[in-house]
Every structure is written in C-alpha cells, then in structure tokens.
C-alpha cells in the first residue's frame, strides 16, 4: 500500500511538472561555432535527460565489462566450494555408514575442491581409519596436530590410536598436551587421570582427579575411592614420615575400613611412639570392616608378649565383631599359639561346616598339635582342592590375585582395581596326598610387584 501511494505521488509530481512546462514553454537559443539552436525549454530539458540516461547506461556497461572476469572467477570458485562441501558432507555420511571406498573417493574430491585442509584432513583421516590404513590416518592427524587451528583434533586422533595400540606412555603425553588446550573437557579429564594413575604419576593424578570430580567427569563415590588409593600409594612411597602420616590420616577419614590405609597409619604411629593412636586407628578400622591385616597389625603391637597375653589382647579388638569369620579365625590361630586347643576348636566349629583353605589348615593344625592325629590332619588337608577359596586382593580387570594390596595391579597395571573378596574357584587336578611332615600352608600366589613409579 505504501509503495502504491509513493508511486501515485511521484506520478502526480511528474504530471504537474509537465503541465507547468507546457503552460510556460519559453524559448532557448544557442549560438556555438556558427551553429544556432532554437527550441523550447521543455524540449531542451528532455534532450538533457536523454543524454544523462545514455551516459548512465554506457557507464554501467563499462563497469560490468570491467568486473565480468572477476565475477566469472568468483562464480566458479563458489561452485567449487559448494561441490566441495557437498563432497565433504557425503564423505562424512559414508564414514558413518562404514563405506570406506566411497569415503576415500569423496575425501579426495573434497581435498581437490576445497582449500580448507583442517576439514578435509579430518575426513581423509577417518576414511583411512575406516579402510584400515593406519599410517595414512596417523599422517593426517599429525598434520592436524602441527596446525594450531586443528592441534586438538589431531591430538585426539593420535590419542585414540595410541590407546588402540596400548602405547600408554605415548597416550599419556598426548592426553596431557590435549588437556592443556581443553582443560574443561570431561572425557579428557577422565582419560588423563586414568593414564596418570596407571603410570604411577600419583601427584599429577591427584590434581587431575580433583578437576575431574569438580566437573562431574567422575562420580563422587568413584572419586572418593580413587583419592583414597592415591593417598595410600603416596604414603607407601614417601620417605617423609610426617607426610606419610598426613596422607594416611586423610585416607582413613575417607575410608575407615580400608585396611591398607589403617595398617600403614598404625605402623607410623607405633614407630613414632604413639601406641594409643595406633590402637585407636586399628580399632576404628576393625569396627568398620574386619580384615586379617588389621588383626596382624594389632598383634604386632604386642609382639614381645606371651601367647596367652596376645590372645587376650586380640579379644579386645575382636569384641566389636565377635561373630565375624575373621574374628573366629584370628582368635583360633592365637589360641593355637597359646596351646588352647579346645578354644581353637570352639572358634572353628561353625566355620568347619563350609571350610575355606585357611580353616582347613587351622583344623589340621589342631588335630596334629592337640592329639598328634596325623591321619585326621591329612584328611583335613585333602579337602583343600574342593574348598571355597579364602578372600584375597583380586583385580577386577584381569582377575589376578595378590596377598598384598597395591594401587596398581601387578599383572595388568589397572589402577585401584584390587578388591578384597573370594576369588573365583579354579578347578584343580586331583593329586596324591603329600606326607604330613611336608605339608605347609598354601598362600594365594602373589602378584610380582610393579616397577616403582615416580610420583
């Protein structure tokens, strides 16, 4: 509507101007170089307007002719860009569909049409990976790594390859560099922490774990368990008793029932002459979760006492969980040391209904020491292959067993994977019974210690 009104106004002005000129025709005479031009003012005005229009058309035609080559080149470049982006999109779709041959073809086409290496390199690398050409993929990711604009993408691709190749050292270096570029990426925080912990970089892992937990990359309970393991690992490697005590104190606050932390802290207190603190630490750990290592550390506080005094001392610790299997086992062994065979039998009578190898060995010892009954002792020992195994530190990743806790599995290197639990039963081949005099306890095969890491 507004345009119609504007058009009518313009038309009215033109008509008014034409009428005004028609009513006042006037005369114009021009003498120039012997020529004379006589006409009306209206005709002269029309001639001037016509000449102006012709000049404007000629000027526009000249500008178009000057710009034509550039426009042609730009139009061609735009067509190539459109075709290149189309090839790039179709190439990514081919990668997603698993069509390696089509992906490589489109990657080459996109590289030819587009002058944007960051985009085409990524497609080329993905197509190469899909086709099994790891060398080409690595070359493309390395080129992206060397470009500041695509360094992070290149690092991520190389990190994924290092993890597939199980090159943990290279993966750690790549992850730490990538974390410098993207310190808030949750997946990268989690991955970097795992690699640092596996490598024994406890202090770096502690910092990364705090960042990961703060950004919810690792859930709170997992972060608490991981921090506890890191604290104990640092304490075990520290040559500074005060630092080790501080670390294990924090660990026992986070997990009061974690035996390795409580035992280490109790040893440090005892070495410093603070027996009362050692006793309190072990009592708290036993109350949270009875464990044979805690019982052994408790008895170590009375290493120079008589067997009977040691038994009474142990009864103080086990009173908080008197019906627990570990309480019965610890008291049974202490009773045997004190030659109280009746008390040892009483402690083992319920456990003997479904005995583990540890119960079997104690029952055999009772028969041998109390009654000198070699046959009864041998009969007990012959039940070991069929018995349910005793708890041990079992790796949740590879299933390896260890009598000693460590922050990393000595078999597969997994961090904080050892859990105190009965290992899976292993079918054993029947073998002839050994002579009683040559029978000795059969501890769980211990994992060889991992190489000492650097903090």
Protein backbone atom coordinates (compact mmCIF):
# COMPACT_ATOMS: atom_id res chain seq x y z
CA UNK A 1 0.00 0.00 0.00
CA UNK A 2 2.80 2.35 0.88
CA UNK A 3 4.51 1.70 -2.46
CA UNK A 4 1.28 2.45 -4.36
CA UNK A 5 0.89 5.75 -2.57
CA UNK A 6 4.52 6.66 -3.24
CA UNK A 7 4.11 5.79 -6.93
CA UNK A 8 0.98 7.96 -7.23
CA UNK A 9 2.74 10.90 -5.57
CA UNK A 10 5.69 10.63 -7.96
CA UNK A 11 3.34 10.41 -10.94
CA UNK A 12 1.42 13.46 -9.77
CA UNK A 13 4.64 15.46 -9.44
CA UNK A 14 5.74 14.48 -12.95
CA UNK A 15 2.34 15.43 -14.41
CA UNK A 16 2.36 18.71 -12.52
CA UNK A 17 5.86 19.49 -13.83
CA UNK A 18 4.82 18.67 -17.40
CA UNK A 19 1.73 20.91 -17.16
CA UNK A 20 3.81 23.70 -15.67
CA UNK A 21 6.31 23.49 -18.53
CA UNK A 22 3.52 23.29 -21.16
CA UNK A 23 1.95 26.47 -19.83
CA UNK A 24 5.35 28.21 -19.83
CA UNK A 25 7.09 26.93 -22.98
CA UNK A 26 9.68 29.71 -23.18
CA UNK A 27 12.37 29.90 -25.87
CA UNK A 28 16.02 28.80 -25.85
CA UNK A 29 18.59 29.88 -28.43
CA UNK A 30 22.17 28.63 -28.54
CA UNK A 31 24.86 30.06 -30.88
CA UNK A 32 28.03 27.92 -30.96
CA UNK A 33 30.71 27.67 -33.64
CA UNK A 34 28.46 29.10 -36.31
CA UNK A 35 25.57 26.89 -35.36
CA UNK A 36 22.30 28.14 -33.93
CA UNK A 37 19.86 26.02 -31.95
CA UNK A 38 16.43 27.35 -31.21
CA UNK A 39 13.91 25.32 -29.21
CA UNK A 40 11.64 25.44 -26.24
CA UNK A 41 12.80 24.96 -22.65
CA UNK A 42 10.78 21.71 -22.31
CA UNK A 43 12.41 20.11 -25.34
CA UNK A 44 15.86 21.15 -24.12
CA UNK A 45 15.16 19.57 -20.75
CA UNK A 46 14.09 16.31 -22.40
CA UNK A 47 17.28 16.29 -24.50
CA UNK A 48 19.42 16.80 -21.39
CA UNK A 49 17.62 13.97 -19.56
CA UNK A 50 18.02 11.63 -22.55
CA UNK A 51 21.75 12.37 -22.74
CA UNK A 52 22.13 11.76 -18.99
CA UNK A 53 20.33 8.43 -19.31
CA UNK A 54 22.55 7.36 -22.24
CA UNK A 55 25.68 8.27 -20.25
CA UNK A 56 24.45 6.31 -17.25
CA UNK A 57 23.81 3.24 -19.42
CA UNK A 58 27.25 3.49 -21.01
CA UNK A 59 28.90 3.88 -17.61
CA UNK A 60 27.06 0.81 -16.21
CA UNK A 61 28.04 -1.20 -19.29
CA UNK A 62 31.69 -0.23 -18.81
CA UNK A 63 31.67 -1.23 -15.15
CA UNK A 64 30.03 -4.57 -15.99
CA UNK A 65 32.66 -5.28 -18.63
CA UNK A 66 35.47 -4.47 -16.19
CA UNK A 67 34.03 -6.73 -13.47
CA UNK A 68 32.97 -9.61 -15.68
CA UNK A 69 36.26 -11.63 -15.46
CA UNK A 70 36.36 -11.35 -11.66
CA UNK A 71 32.72 -12.33 -11.36
CA UNK A 72 33.33 -15.34 -13.54
CA UNK A 73 36.24 -16.47 -11.39
CA UNK A 74 34.28 -15.88 -8.18
CA UNK A 75 31.26 -17.76 -9.52
CA UNK A 76 33.50 -20.67 -10.49
CA UNK A 77 35.14 -20.62 -7.05
CA UNK A 78 31.74 -20.58 -5.38
CA UNK A 79 30.60 -23.56 -7.45
CA UNK A 80 33.74 -25.48 -6.47
CA UNK A 81 33.18 -24.56 -2.82
CA UNK A 82 29.60 -25.80 -2.95
CA UNK A 83 30.67 -29.01 -4.64
CA UNK A 84 33.48 -29.42 -2.11
CA UNK A 85 31.18 -29.00 0.88
CA UNK A 86 28.72 -31.40 -0.70
CA UNK A 87 31.52 -33.95 -1.14
CA UNK A 88 32.62 -33.34 2.47
CA UNK A 89 29.12 -33.92 3.81
CA UNK A 90 28.63 -37.04 1.72
CA UNK A 91 32.05 -38.26 2.78
CA UNK A 92 31.19 -37.93 6.47
CA UNK A 93 27.95 -39.77 5.79
CA UNK A 94 29.94 -42.53 4.07
CA UNK A 95 32.21 -42.79 7.12
CA UNK A 96 29.17 -43.08 9.36
CA UNK A 97 27.76 -45.76 7.04
CA UNK A 98 31.05 -47.68 7.03
CA UNK A 99 31.64 -47.33 3.26
CA UNK A 100 35.45 -46.99 3.21
CA UNK A 101 35.85 -46.88 -0.60
CA UNK A 102 33.22 -44.15 -1.09
CA UNK A 103 34.60 -42.21 1.88
CA UNK A 104 38.12 -42.20 0.41
CA UNK A 105 36.82 -41.11 -3.03
CA UNK A 106 34.83 -38.24 -1.57
CA UNK A 107 37.74 -37.26 0.69
CA UNK A 108 39.98 -36.90 -2.38
CA UNK A 109 37.29 -34.89 -4.18
CA UNK A 110 36.77 -32.60 -1.18
CA UNK A 111 40.55 -32.08 -0.86
CA UNK A 112 40.73 -31.08 -4.53
CA UNK A 113 37.77 -28.70 -4.44
CA UNK A 114 38.22 -27.13 -1.01
CA UNK A 115 41.20 -25.09 0.07
CA UNK A 116 40.48 -25.88 3.73
CA UNK A 117 42.94 -28.57 4.93
CA UNK A 118 41.57 -28.79 8.50
CA UNK A 119 38.21 -30.10 7.28
CA UNK A 120 39.48 -32.34 4.51
CA UNK A 121 42.28 -33.79 6.65
CA UNK A 122 39.79 -34.94 9.23
CA UNK A 123 37.66 -36.67 6.59
CA UNK A 124 40.76 -38.18 4.97
CA UNK A 125 41.97 -39.50 8.33
CA UNK A 126 38.59 -41.00 9.17
CA UNK A 127 38.33 -42.59 5.73
CA UNK A 128 41.84 -44.04 6.12
CA UNK A 129 40.97 -45.46 9.54
CA UNK A 130 37.82 -46.99 8.13
CA UNK A 131 39.83 -48.60 5.35
CA UNK A 132 42.48 -49.90 7.74
CA UNK A 133 45.22 -47.54 6.54
CA UNK A 134 46.54 -46.55 9.95
CA UNK A 135 49.71 -44.96 8.57
CA UNK A 136 47.75 -42.52 6.40
CA UNK A 137 45.39 -41.76 9.28
CA UNK A 138 48.35 -41.08 11.58
CA UNK A 139 49.96 -38.84 8.94
CA UNK A 140 46.77 -36.78 8.65
CA UNK A 141 46.33 -36.50 12.41
CA UNK A 142 49.99 -35.50 12.78
CA UNK A 143 49.47 -32.77 10.16
CA UNK A 144 46.46 -31.51 12.11
CA UNK A 145 48.48 -31.58 15.31
CA UNK A 146 51.11 -29.34 13.72
CA UNK A 147 48.46 -26.76 12.78
CA UNK A 148 47.49 -24.52 15.74
CA UNK A 149 43.90 -24.35 14.47
CA UNK A 150 43.46 -28.12 14.47
CA UNK A 151 46.01 -29.22 17.07
CA UNK A 152 43.39 -30.54 19.50
CA UNK A 153 41.64 -32.62 16.82
CA UNK A 154 44.98 -34.07 15.78
CA UNK A 155 45.89 -34.87 19.38
CA UNK A 156 42.57 -36.59 19.91
CA UNK A 157 43.04 -38.76 16.84
CA UNK A 158 46.60 -39.69 17.84
CA UNK A 159 45.46 -40.37 21.40
CA UNK A 160 42.79 -42.78 20.19
CA UNK A 161 45.39 -44.58 18.07
CA UNK A 162 47.86 -44.81 20.96
CA UNK A 163 45.16 -46.31 23.17
CA UNK A 164 44.28 -48.86 20.48
CA UNK A 165 47.96 -49.76 20.17
CA UNK A 166 48.21 -49.93 24.00
CA UNK A 167 51.06 -47.40 23.90
CA UNK A 168 50.29 -45.96 27.33
CA UNK A 169 53.39 -43.76 27.50
CA UNK A 170 52.59 -42.00 24.23
CA UNK A 171 48.90 -41.83 25.15
CA UNK A 172 49.74 -40.11 28.44
CA UNK A 173 51.93 -37.49 26.73
CA UNK A 174 49.20 -36.77 24.16
CA UNK A 175 46.45 -36.62 26.78
CA UNK A 176 48.38 -34.18 28.97
CA UNK A 177 49.05 -31.88 25.99
CA UNK A 178 45.41 -32.07 24.93
CA UNK A 179 44.36 -31.22 28.48
CA UNK A 180 46.45 -28.05 28.32
CA UNK A 181 44.38 -26.99 25.30
CA UNK A 182 40.97 -28.11 26.62
CA UNK A 183 41.20 -28.21 30.44
CA UNK A 184 37.42 -28.46 30.88
CA UNK A 185 36.71 -31.46 28.63
CA UNK A 186 35.17 -34.12 30.95
CA UNK A 187 36.14 -37.13 28.81
CA UNK A 188 39.72 -35.87 28.58
CA UNK A 189 39.98 -35.28 32.33
CA UNK A 190 38.79 -38.82 32.98
CA UNK A 191 41.13 -40.35 30.41
CA UNK A 192 44.15 -38.33 31.54
CA UNK A 193 43.56 -39.30 35.17
CA UNK A 194 43.35 -42.98 34.26
CA UNK A 195 46.61 -42.81 32.30
CA UNK A 196 48.43 -40.88 35.03
CA UNK A 197 47.26 -43.32 37.69
CA UNK A 198 48.29 -46.34 35.60
CA UNK A 199 51.71 -44.75 35.11
CA UNK A 200 52.12 -44.15 38.85
CA UNK A 201 52.11 -40.36 38.49
CA UNK A 202 50.31 -40.09 41.81
CA UNK A 203 50.68 -36.36 42.43
CA UNK A 204 49.64 -35.36 38.91
CA UNK A 205 46.78 -37.84 39.10
CA UNK A 206 45.64 -36.24 42.38
CA UNK A 207 45.36 -32.82 40.70
CA UNK A 208 43.59 -34.22 37.65
CA UNK A 209 41.21 -36.22 39.84
CA UNK A 210 40.23 -33.07 41.75
CA UNK A 211 39.47 -31.26 38.47
CA UNK A 212 37.54 -34.25 37.10
CA UNK A 213 35.46 -34.57 40.26
CA UNK A 214 34.79 -30.83 40.29
CA UNK A 215 33.43 -31.01 36.74
CA UNK A 216 31.45 -34.20 37.40
CA UNK A 217 33.59 -36.18 34.95
CA UNK A 218 33.95 -38.82 37.68
CA UNK A 219 31.10 -39.55 40.07
CA UNK A 220 31.68 -38.73 43.74
CA UNK A 221 31.94 -42.26 45.15
CA UNK A 222 34.43 -43.34 42.48
CA UNK A 223 36.44 -40.16 43.09
CA UNK A 224 36.48 -40.87 46.85
CA UNK A 225 37.78 -44.41 46.35
CA UNK A 226 40.36 -43.24 43.82
CA UNK A 227 41.62 -40.48 46.11
CA UNK A 228 41.92 -42.96 48.98
CA UNK A 229 44.06 -45.25 46.83
CA UNK A 230 46.24 -42.33 45.68
CA UNK A 231 46.81 -41.17 49.24
CA UNK A 232 47.90 -44.62 50.40
CA UNK A 233 50.11 -45.10 47.33
CA UNK A 234 51.85 -41.79 48.01
CA UNK A 235 52.27 -42.67 51.69
CA UNK A 236 53.83 -46.03 50.87
CA UNK A 237 56.42 -44.38 48.63
CA UNK A 238 57.13 -41.36 50.83
CA UNK A 239 60.38 -41.18 52.80
CA UNK A 240 58.92 -38.44 54.99
CA UNK A 241 57.15 -39.99 57.99
CA UNK A 242 55.19 -36.81 58.70
CA UNK A 243 53.94 -36.58 55.11
CA UNK A 244 53.05 -40.29 55.08
CA UNK A 245 51.14 -39.87 58.34
CA UNK A 246 49.20 -36.92 56.95
CA UNK A 247 48.35 -38.84 53.78
CA UNK A 248 47.19 -42.00 55.54
CA UNK A 249 45.21 -39.97 58.08
CA UNK A 250 43.22 -38.41 55.25
CA UNK A 251 42.81 -41.84 53.64
CA UNK A 252 41.37 -43.34 56.82
CA UNK A 253 38.98 -40.42 57.12
CA UNK A 254 37.73 -41.10 53.60
CA UNK A 255 37.56 -44.89 54.11
CA UNK A 256 37.82 -46.00 57.76
CA UNK A 257 37.53 -49.68 56.84
CA UNK A 258 40.26 -49.66 54.19
CA UNK A 259 42.81 -51.98 55.77
CA UNK A 260 45.97 -50.87 53.85
CA UNK A 261 45.47 -47.26 54.96
CA UNK A 262 44.71 -48.16 58.60
CA UNK A 263 47.64 -50.59 58.88
CA UNK A 264 50.09 -48.08 57.38
CA UNK A 265 48.89 -45.30 59.68
CA UNK A 266 49.07 -47.57 62.74
CA UNK A 267 52.64 -48.55 61.84
CA UNK A 268 53.59 -44.88 61.53
CA UNK A 269 52.01 -44.05 64.89
CA UNK A 270 53.72 -47.00 66.55
CA UNK A 271 57.09 -46.06 65.06
CA UNK A 272 56.64 -42.55 66.43
CA UNK A 273 55.85 -43.93 69.91
CA UNK A 274 52.13 -43.07 69.73
CA UNK A 275 50.73 -46.50 70.59
CA UNK A 276 47.44 -45.06 71.76
CA UNK A 277 46.83 -43.52 68.33
CA UNK A 278 47.82 -46.77 66.64
CA UNK A 279 45.33 -48.69 68.79
CA UNK A 280 42.56 -46.22 68.03
CA UNK A 281 43.26 -46.40 64.29
CA UNK A 282 43.13 -50.20 64.20
CA UNK A 283 40.03 -50.40 66.40
CA UNK A 284 38.24 -48.00 64.12
CA UNK A 285 39.26 -49.96 61.02
CA UNK A 286 38.16 -53.29 62.54
CA UNK A 287 34.85 -51.81 63.61
CA UNK A 288 34.27 -50.65 60.02
CA UNK A 289 35.43 -53.86 58.32
CA UNK A 290 37.32 -56.79 59.92
CA UNK A 291 40.41 -57.75 57.95
CA UNK A 292 43.29 -60.17 58.69
CA UNK A 293 45.89 -57.47 58.03
CA UNK A 294 44.34 -55.34 60.76
CA UNK A 295 44.46 -58.28 63.19
CA UNK A 296 48.13 -58.91 62.35
CA UNK A 297 48.97 -55.23 62.85
CA UNK A 298 47.09 -55.33 66.16
CA UNK A 299 49.11 -58.33 67.39
CA UNK A 300 52.33 -56.66 66.22
CA UNK A 301 51.74 -54.04 68.92
CA UNK A 302 52.26 -56.86 71.46
CA UNK A 303 54.95 -58.77 69.60
CA UNK A 304 57.00 -59.33 72.76
CA UNK A 305 54.12 -60.55 74.92
CA UNK A 306 53.38 -64.17 75.79
CA UNK A 307 50.98 -66.10 73.51
CA UNK A 308 48.31 -66.02 76.21
CA UNK A 309 48.63 -62.26 76.64
CA UNK A 310 48.46 -61.85 72.88
CA UNK A 311 45.24 -63.86 72.81
CA UNK A 312 43.69 -61.65 75.49
CA UNK A 313 44.90 -58.58 73.63
CA UNK A 314 43.28 -59.84 70.41
CA UNK A 315 39.98 -60.44 72.22
CA UNK A 316 39.79 -56.70 72.84
CA UNK A 317 39.96 -55.97 69.10
CA UNK A 318 37.53 -58.72 68.02
CA UNK A 319 34.89 -57.85 70.59
CA UNK A 320 33.27 -55.36 68.20
CA UNK A 321 32.62 -58.11 65.62
CA UNK A 322 32.67 -61.25 67.75
CA UNK A 323 30.63 -63.30 65.27
CA UNK A 324 32.55 -62.31 62.16
CA UNK A 325 34.54 -65.06 60.41
CA UNK A 326 37.76 -63.02 60.64
CA UNK A 327 37.30 -62.74 64.41
CA UNK A 328 36.93 -66.51 64.77
CA UNK A 329 39.91 -67.19 62.53
CA UNK A 330 42.19 -64.71 64.28
CA UNK A 331 41.20 -66.00 67.73
CA UNK A 332 41.59 -69.62 66.62
CA UNK A 333 45.14 -69.01 65.43
CA UNK A 334 46.04 -67.10 68.58
CA UNK A 335 44.52 -69.91 70.69
CA UNK A 336 46.68 -72.47 68.91
CA UNK A 337 49.76 -70.34 69.59
CA UNK A 338 48.74 -70.35 73.28
CA UNK A 339 48.12 -74.14 73.09
CA UNK A 340 44.44 -73.67 73.98
CA UNK A 341 43.23 -76.35 71.58
CA UNK A 342 39.73 -76.54 72.97
CA UNK A 343 39.24 -72.81 72.46
CA UNK A 344 40.63 -73.10 68.93
CA UNK A 345 38.11 -75.87 68.13
CA UNK A 346 35.31 -73.78 69.56
CA UNK A 347 36.24 -70.80 67.36
CA UNK A 348 36.40 -73.03 64.26
CA UNK A 349 33.39 -75.28 64.81
CA UNK A 350 30.91 -73.17 62.82
CA UNK A 351 33.41 -72.32 60.08
CA UNK A 352 34.30 -76.00 59.69
CA UNK A 353 30.86 -76.70 58.24
CA UNK A 354 31.89 -74.98 54.97
CA UNK A 355 35.63 -74.64 55.40
CA UNK A 356 37.97 -72.49 53.32
CA UNK A 357 41.64 -73.48 52.91
CA UNK A 358 42.56 -71.26 55.86
CA UNK A 359 40.05 -73.02 58.13
CA UNK A 360 41.23 -76.40 56.86
CA UNK A 361 44.86 -75.64 57.66
CA UNK A 362 43.93 -74.49 61.18
CA UNK A 363 41.81 -77.61 61.78
CA UNK A 364 44.68 -79.80 60.57
CA UNK A 365 46.97 -77.98 62.96
CA UNK A 366 44.54 -78.61 65.83
CA UNK A 367 44.45 -82.35 65.08
CA UNK A 368 48.21 -82.55 64.77
CA UNK A 369 49.16 -80.45 67.83
CA UNK A 370 46.43 -81.50 70.27
CA UNK A 371 46.12 -85.20 69.53
CA UNK A 372 49.07 -85.92 67.25
CA UNK A 373 46.46 -87.42 64.90
CA UNK A 374 48.32 -87.48 61.60
CA UNK A 375 45.53 -89.23 59.72
CA UNK A 376 42.89 -86.72 60.83
CA UNK A 377 45.19 -83.83 59.88
CA UNK A 378 45.84 -85.37 56.45
CA UNK A 379 42.10 -85.88 55.94
CA UNK A 380 41.53 -82.21 56.54
CA UNK A 381 44.30 -81.13 54.18
CA UNK A 382 42.97 -83.34 51.40
CA UNK A 383 39.82 -81.19 51.39
CA UNK A 384 41.65 -78.06 50.27
CA UNK A 385 41.27 -78.51 46.48
CA UNK A 386 37.49 -78.67 46.76
CA UNK A 387 37.14 -75.86 49.30
CA UNK A 388 35.84 -72.38 48.60
CA UNK A 389 38.85 -70.03 48.33
CA UNK A 390 39.76 -67.57 51.05
CA UNK A 391 39.38 -63.83 50.35
CA UNK A 392 42.33 -62.18 48.65
CA UNK A 393 43.08 -58.97 46.79
CA UNK A 394 41.51 -59.74 43.40
CA UNK A 395 41.89 -57.49 40.35
CA UNK A 396 38.52 -56.55 38.91
CA UNK A 397 40.12 -56.03 35.49
CA UNK A 398 42.13 -59.20 34.90
CA UNK A 399 41.21 -61.45 37.85
CA UNK A 400 44.79 -61.75 39.14
CA UNK A 401 45.17 -62.39 42.88
CA UNK A 402 47.55 -60.94 45.42
CA UNK A 403 48.15 -61.28 49.15
CA UNK A 404 49.29 -57.65 49.28
CA UNK A 405 47.36 -54.56 48.24
CA UNK A 406 48.87 -52.12 45.77
CA UNK A 407 47.44 -49.13 43.97
CA UNK A 408 48.06 -50.81 40.61
CA UNK A 409 47.51 -54.41 39.65
CA UNK A 410 50.93 -56.01 39.23
CA UNK A 411 49.59 -58.12 36.37
CA UNK A 412 47.65 -55.74 34.12
CA UNK A 413 48.59 -52.36 35.62
CA UNK A 414 44.98 -51.27 36.24
CA UNK A 415 44.66 -48.59 38.90
CA UNK A 416 42.66 -49.18 42.10
CA UNK A 417 41.27 -52.45 40.77
CA UNK A 418 42.16 -54.72 43.71
CA UNK A 419 39.18 -55.70 45.85
CA UNK A 420 39.24 -57.89 48.96
CA UNK A 421 36.94 -60.77 48.10
CA UNK A 422 36.95 -64.53 47.46
CA UNK A 423 38.46 -65.22 44.03
CA UNK A 424 36.66 -67.43 41.53
CA UNK A 425 37.12 -71.14 42.10
CA UNK A 426 39.66 -72.84 39.86
CA UNK A 427 39.19 -76.49 39.03
CA UNK A 428 42.28 -78.37 40.15
CA UNK A 429 43.54 -81.75 39.02
CA UNK A 430 43.44 -84.38 41.76
CA UNK A 431 46.89 -85.22 43.05
CA UNK A 432 48.11 -87.76 45.58
CA UNK A 433 48.26 -86.61 49.18
CA UNK A 434 51.60 -85.38 50.46
CA UNK A 435 53.31 -86.53 53.60
CA UNK A 436 52.08 -84.63 56.63
CA UNK A 437 55.56 -83.56 57.57
CA UNK A 438 56.00 -81.86 54.20
CA UNK A 439 52.62 -80.11 54.17
CA UNK A 440 52.78 -76.36 54.51
CA UNK A 441 50.16 -73.64 54.13
CA UNK A 442 49.39 -72.76 50.52
CA UNK A 443 49.07 -68.99 50.32
CA UNK A 444 47.42 -67.29 47.36
CA UNK A 445 50.07 -66.81 44.64
CA UNK A 446 51.27 -63.27 44.95
CA UNK A 447 51.48 -60.90 42.01
CA UNK A 448 55.03 -59.73 41.36
CA UNK A 449 55.40 -56.10 42.46
CA UNK A 450 55.01 -53.44 39.82
CA UNK A 451 58.03 -51.29 38.96
CA UNK A 452 58.42 -48.40 41.35
CA UNK A 453 56.63 -45.40 39.78
CA UNK A 454 57.67 -41.83 40.08
CA UNK A 455 55.36 -39.55 41.98
